[in-house]
Each structure stands twice: as C-alpha cells, then as structure tokens.
C-alpha cells in the first residue's frame, strides 16, 4: 500500500504493465515476469512498514520490487510453473464456486495446481498466452479503476476486500467487472495467438 500521493502514478503503471501483459505477454514474457515480480515484491515489502512511515514504505517497496522482479526474471521455468499452478488453483476455485459454496478442498487446489504446473511446462506457449492475457486484463481493470478515482475501488483497497484480487467476486454494484475481465482477456488471447505471440518462421 502506497501513500495517497503515489496512487495515481502507480495506477497508470498498472494499466501500462497490464496492457503489455495482456497483448504481448508471450513475446515479452521475461519482462512481464519482471513487472509482476516487482509489483508482488513491492506489495509484500511495503506492507511490512507502518502507514505513517512514507519514506520507509517507498524504500521497502523499491527494494522488495527489485528483488521480486529479479527473482521471477531469472527463474524463468519457475515462473512458467507458477503461472500454470496459478491457473490450476483459479480453475479449482471457479469450478467449486459453480458446484458448491465456499472454498474448494485443499486437495483439489493442490492437485489442480500440480496438473497446471505440469501442463505449463509441456504447453508453455499456450499457458503463457492465456495466463498473461487474463492477468494483464485484470491488472488493466484494477489500474483503470484506481486511476479514475473510483470510490468503490478505493474503499475496497483500504479495507482489504477480496474483489481486488479475485475477478469472480466483484464488489457490490460492480457485476460488470467479471464480464469486462473475460472479454478483455479473450481479446488479449486472440491478439497474442494471431499477432504478437505467433511463432517466428
């Protein structure tokens, strides 16, 4: 969590990084890994600092971001396996949400995560394209909402509501978000399969 004065620049960076991931994630996979590694590292490191310590939060975010970016960029195959595991876990949650209620059993999440990792290694191109398209689409949406000053997004971010992280559980009054995410993700997948992610001859 960054100080208020840094929210708009961070939101713009999220939109740009998300668009890069969504429409050119396969071609620029190492860069995309670096961007997401930076975001995850910055979030984890800055959350360890007190809200009133602005300088400490910024320094921690930069150090954690650089560490996360380097970790994912140099761990290319680990990044691919993690992308597959993430897709597997997401499928488990979506399937269980449509079948029953609540969280899926841990065994189902673990099994689908392992299968996703294995599939990602054998079907790298397609897994990378789908994962980067949909992750980028969600990043664009979250960044766009934050940049537009959406009060629901700001309130959800400050209270830790899960809809920021889970596209299938939108905030009340924002039922359009999953539809927009799926449409943008499919467009990104189509662009990558047809243009930016095509195999070079």
Protein backbone atom coordinates (compact mmCIF):
# COMPACT_ATOMS: atom_id res chain seq x y z
CA UNK A 1 0.00 0.00 0.00
CA UNK A 2 1.50 3.31 -1.12
CA UNK A 3 0.94 6.81 0.24
CA UNK A 4 -2.03 8.65 -1.32
CA UNK A 5 0.12 10.99 -3.46
CA UNK A 6 1.67 7.99 -5.24
CA UNK A 7 -1.62 6.21 -6.04
CA UNK A 8 -2.23 7.82 -9.48
CA UNK A 9 1.28 7.16 -10.86
CA UNK A 10 1.09 3.59 -9.53
CA UNK A 11 -2.35 3.14 -11.15
CA UNK A 12 -1.02 4.39 -14.51
CA UNK A 13 1.90 1.97 -14.27
CA UNK A 14 -0.55 -0.85 -13.52
CA UNK A 15 -2.59 0.00 -16.63
CA UNK A 16 0.51 0.16 -18.85
CA UNK A 17 2.06 -3.01 -17.41
CA UNK A 18 -1.29 -4.81 -17.61
CA UNK A 19 -1.74 -3.82 -21.26
CA UNK A 20 1.77 -5.03 -22.07
CA UNK A 21 1.00 -8.35 -20.39
CA UNK A 22 -2.45 -8.70 -21.94
CA UNK A 23 -1.47 -8.03 -25.55
CA UNK A 24 2.21 -9.02 -25.76
CA UNK A 25 2.81 -11.24 -22.74
CA UNK A 26 4.20 -14.21 -24.62
CA UNK A 27 6.65 -12.21 -26.74
CA UNK A 28 7.82 -10.22 -23.70
CA UNK A 29 7.36 -12.92 -21.04
CA UNK A 30 10.57 -12.21 -19.15
CA UNK A 31 9.70 -8.51 -18.97
CA UNK A 32 6.16 -9.36 -17.86
CA UNK A 33 7.58 -11.67 -15.18
CA UNK A 34 9.77 -8.78 -14.07
CA UNK A 35 6.79 -6.40 -13.88
CA UNK A 36 4.66 -8.81 -11.84
CA UNK A 37 7.64 -9.76 -9.69
CA UNK A 38 8.19 -6.07 -8.97
CA UNK A 39 4.52 -5.49 -8.11
CA UNK A 40 4.31 -8.55 -5.82
CA UNK A 41 7.65 -7.79 -4.15
CA UNK A 42 6.73 -4.12 -3.64
CA UNK A 43 3.34 -5.04 -2.16
CA UNK A 44 4.82 -7.55 0.26
CA UNK A 45 7.73 -5.36 1.34
CA UNK A 46 5.75 -2.11 1.73
CA UNK A 47 3.03 -3.87 3.75
CA UNK A 48 5.63 -4.56 6.45
CA UNK A 49 6.13 -0.84 7.08
CA UNK A 50 3.88 1.43 9.11
CA UNK A 51 1.36 3.59 7.24
CA UNK A 52 2.83 6.80 8.70
CA UNK A 53 6.38 5.93 7.58
CA UNK A 54 6.16 7.22 3.99
CA UNK A 55 9.90 7.06 3.28
CA UNK A 56 10.18 3.58 4.74
CA UNK A 57 7.24 2.37 2.64
CA UNK A 58 8.75 3.75 -0.57
CA UNK A 59 12.21 2.33 0.12
CA UNK A 60 10.76 -1.04 1.12
CA UNK A 61 8.55 -1.08 -2.00
CA UNK A 62 11.54 -0.33 -4.26
CA UNK A 63 13.84 -2.88 -2.62
CA UNK A 64 11.14 -5.56 -2.47
CA UNK A 65 10.07 -4.78 -6.04
CA UNK A 66 13.58 -5.10 -7.45
CA UNK A 67 14.11 -8.35 -5.52
CA UNK A 68 10.79 -9.77 -6.77
CA UNK A 69 11.49 -8.71 -10.36
CA UNK A 70 14.95 -10.29 -10.38
CA UNK A 71 13.65 -13.46 -8.76
CA UNK A 72 10.95 -14.06 -11.35
CA UNK A 73 13.00 -12.90 -14.35
CA UNK A 74 15.87 -15.26 -13.59
CA UNK A 75 13.61 -18.08 -12.53
CA UNK A 76 12.00 -18.40 -15.97
CA UNK A 77 10.90 -22.03 -15.68
CA UNK A 78 9.76 -21.48 -12.10
CA UNK A 79 7.71 -18.56 -13.39
CA UNK A 80 6.11 -20.76 -16.04
CA UNK A 81 5.35 -23.46 -13.47
CA UNK A 82 3.91 -20.84 -11.09
CA UNK A 83 1.73 -19.44 -13.89
CA UNK A 84 0.39 -22.95 -14.55
CA UNK A 85 -0.12 -23.59 -10.84
CA UNK A 86 -1.96 -20.28 -10.53
CA UNK A 87 -4.25 -21.19 -13.42
CA UNK A 88 -4.89 -24.60 -11.84
CA UNK A 89 -5.77 -23.07 -8.47
CA UNK A 90 -8.00 -20.48 -10.17
CA UNK A 91 -9.85 -23.22 -12.09
CA UNK A 92 -10.38 -25.10 -8.82
CA UNK A 93 -11.92 -22.02 -7.20
CA UNK A 94 -14.16 -21.19 -10.17
CA UNK A 95 -15.32 -24.81 -10.57
CA UNK A 96 -16.06 -25.20 -6.87
CA UNK A 97 -17.88 -21.85 -6.80
CA UNK A 98 -20.18 -23.09 -9.58
CA UNK A 99 -20.69 -26.53 -7.99
CA UNK A 100 -20.98 -25.63 -4.32
CA UNK A 101 -20.28 -22.77 -1.99
CA UNK A 102 -17.21 -21.68 -0.11
CA UNK A 103 -13.63 -22.62 -0.74
CA UNK A 104 -12.66 -25.80 -2.58
CA UNK A 105 -10.99 -28.61 -0.63
CA UNK A 106 -7.24 -28.19 -0.24
CA UNK A 107 -6.66 -31.49 -2.05
CA UNK A 108 -8.48 -30.22 -5.16
CA UNK A 109 -6.46 -27.00 -5.20
CA UNK A 110 -3.17 -28.88 -4.74
CA UNK A 111 -3.97 -31.47 -7.43
CA UNK A 112 -5.10 -28.87 -9.98
CA UNK A 113 -2.10 -26.67 -9.18
CA UNK A 114 0.27 -29.59 -9.80
CA UNK A 115 -1.53 -30.52 -13.03
CA UNK A 116 -1.40 -26.86 -14.09
CA UNK A 117 2.35 -26.74 -13.46
CA UNK A 118 2.94 -29.91 -15.48
CA UNK A 119 0.74 -28.69 -18.32
CA UNK A 120 2.52 -25.34 -18.29
CA UNK A 121 5.88 -26.99 -18.85
CA UNK A 122 4.60 -29.06 -21.82
CA UNK A 123 2.29 -26.41 -23.29
CA UNK A 124 4.38 -23.35 -22.47
CA UNK A 125 3.25 -21.13 -25.31
CA UNK A 126 -0.47 -21.54 -24.73
CA UNK A 127 -0.29 -21.39 -20.94
CA UNK A 128 1.85 -18.25 -21.09
CA UNK A 129 -0.52 -16.60 -23.56
CA UNK A 130 -3.67 -17.37 -21.54
CA UNK A 131 -2.07 -16.54 -18.18
CA UNK A 132 -0.56 -13.24 -19.33
CA UNK A 133 -3.72 -12.21 -21.21
CA UNK A 134 -6.05 -12.69 -18.26
CA UNK A 135 -3.60 -11.46 -15.59
CA UNK A 136 -2.91 -8.40 -17.74
CA UNK A 137 -6.61 -7.78 -18.33
CA UNK A 138 -7.31 -7.80 -14.60
CA UNK A 139 -4.33 -5.54 -13.93
CA UNK A 140 -5.62 -3.05 -16.54
CA UNK A 141 -9.07 -3.05 -14.93
CA UNK A 142 -7.79 -2.58 -11.37
CA UNK A 143 -5.35 0.11 -12.50
CA UNK A 144 -8.04 1.85 -14.56
CA UNK A 145 -10.45 1.90 -11.63
CA UNK A 146 -7.77 3.27 -9.33
CA UNK A 147 -6.71 5.92 -11.88
CA UNK A 148 -10.30 7.05 -12.40
CA UNK A 149 -10.71 7.63 -8.67
CA UNK A 150 -13.45 5.03 -8.33
CA UNK A 151 -14.66 5.35 -4.73
CA UNK A 152 -15.68 1.71 -4.51
CA UNK A 153 -12.21 0.63 -5.62
CA UNK A 154 -10.56 2.98 -3.14
CA UNK A 155 -12.80 1.80 -0.29
CA UNK A 156 -12.22 -1.86 -1.18
CA UNK A 157 -8.47 -1.34 -1.36
CA UNK A 158 -8.35 0.37 2.02
CA UNK A 159 -10.47 -2.28 3.75
CA UNK A 160 -8.82 -5.27 2.08
CA UNK A 161 -11.90 -6.55 0.26
CA UNK A 162 -11.13 -9.64 -1.81
CA UNK A 163 -12.68 -8.37 -5.05
CA UNK A 164 -9.45 -6.55 -5.87
CA UNK A 165 -7.67 -9.89 -6.14
CA UNK A 166 -10.47 -12.18 -7.32
CA UNK A 167 -12.24 -11.25 -10.56
CA UNK A 168 -15.06 -13.72 -9.90
CA UNK A 169 -16.15 -11.99 -6.67
CA UNK A 170 -16.78 -8.35 -7.66
CA UNK A 171 -17.74 -5.60 -5.26
CA UNK A 172 -21.45 -4.92 -4.79
CA UNK A 173 -22.75 -2.83 -7.68
CA UNK A 174 -19.87 -3.81 -9.97
CA UNK A 175 -21.15 -7.03 -11.51
CA UNK A 176 -19.82 -5.88 -14.89
CA UNK A 177 -16.21 -6.43 -13.77
CA UNK A 178 -16.01 -10.22 -14.41
CA UNK A 179 -17.60 -9.76 -17.84
CA UNK A 180 -15.17 -6.95 -18.74
CA UNK A 181 -12.27 -9.07 -17.45
CA UNK A 182 -13.28 -12.12 -19.54
CA UNK A 183 -13.87 -10.06 -22.69
CA UNK A 184 -10.56 -8.18 -22.36
CA UNK A 185 -8.72 -11.43 -21.53
CA UNK A 186 -10.17 -13.15 -24.61
CA UNK A 187 -9.25 -10.18 -26.80
CA UNK A 188 -5.71 -10.29 -25.40
CA UNK A 189 -5.54 -14.04 -26.02
CA UNK A 190 -6.71 -13.54 -29.62
CA UNK A 191 -4.20 -10.75 -30.24
CA UNK A 192 -1.35 -12.84 -28.87
CA UNK A 193 -2.32 -16.02 -30.75
CA UNK A 194 -2.85 -14.13 -34.00
CA UNK A 195 -0.23 -11.37 -33.92
CA UNK A 196 2.20 -10.76 -31.05
CA UNK A 197 2.59 -14.33 -29.83
CA UNK A 198 2.93 -16.09 -33.18
CA UNK A 199 5.91 -18.34 -33.63
CA UNK A 200 8.58 -16.78 -35.78
CA UNK A 201 9.34 -18.64 -39.02
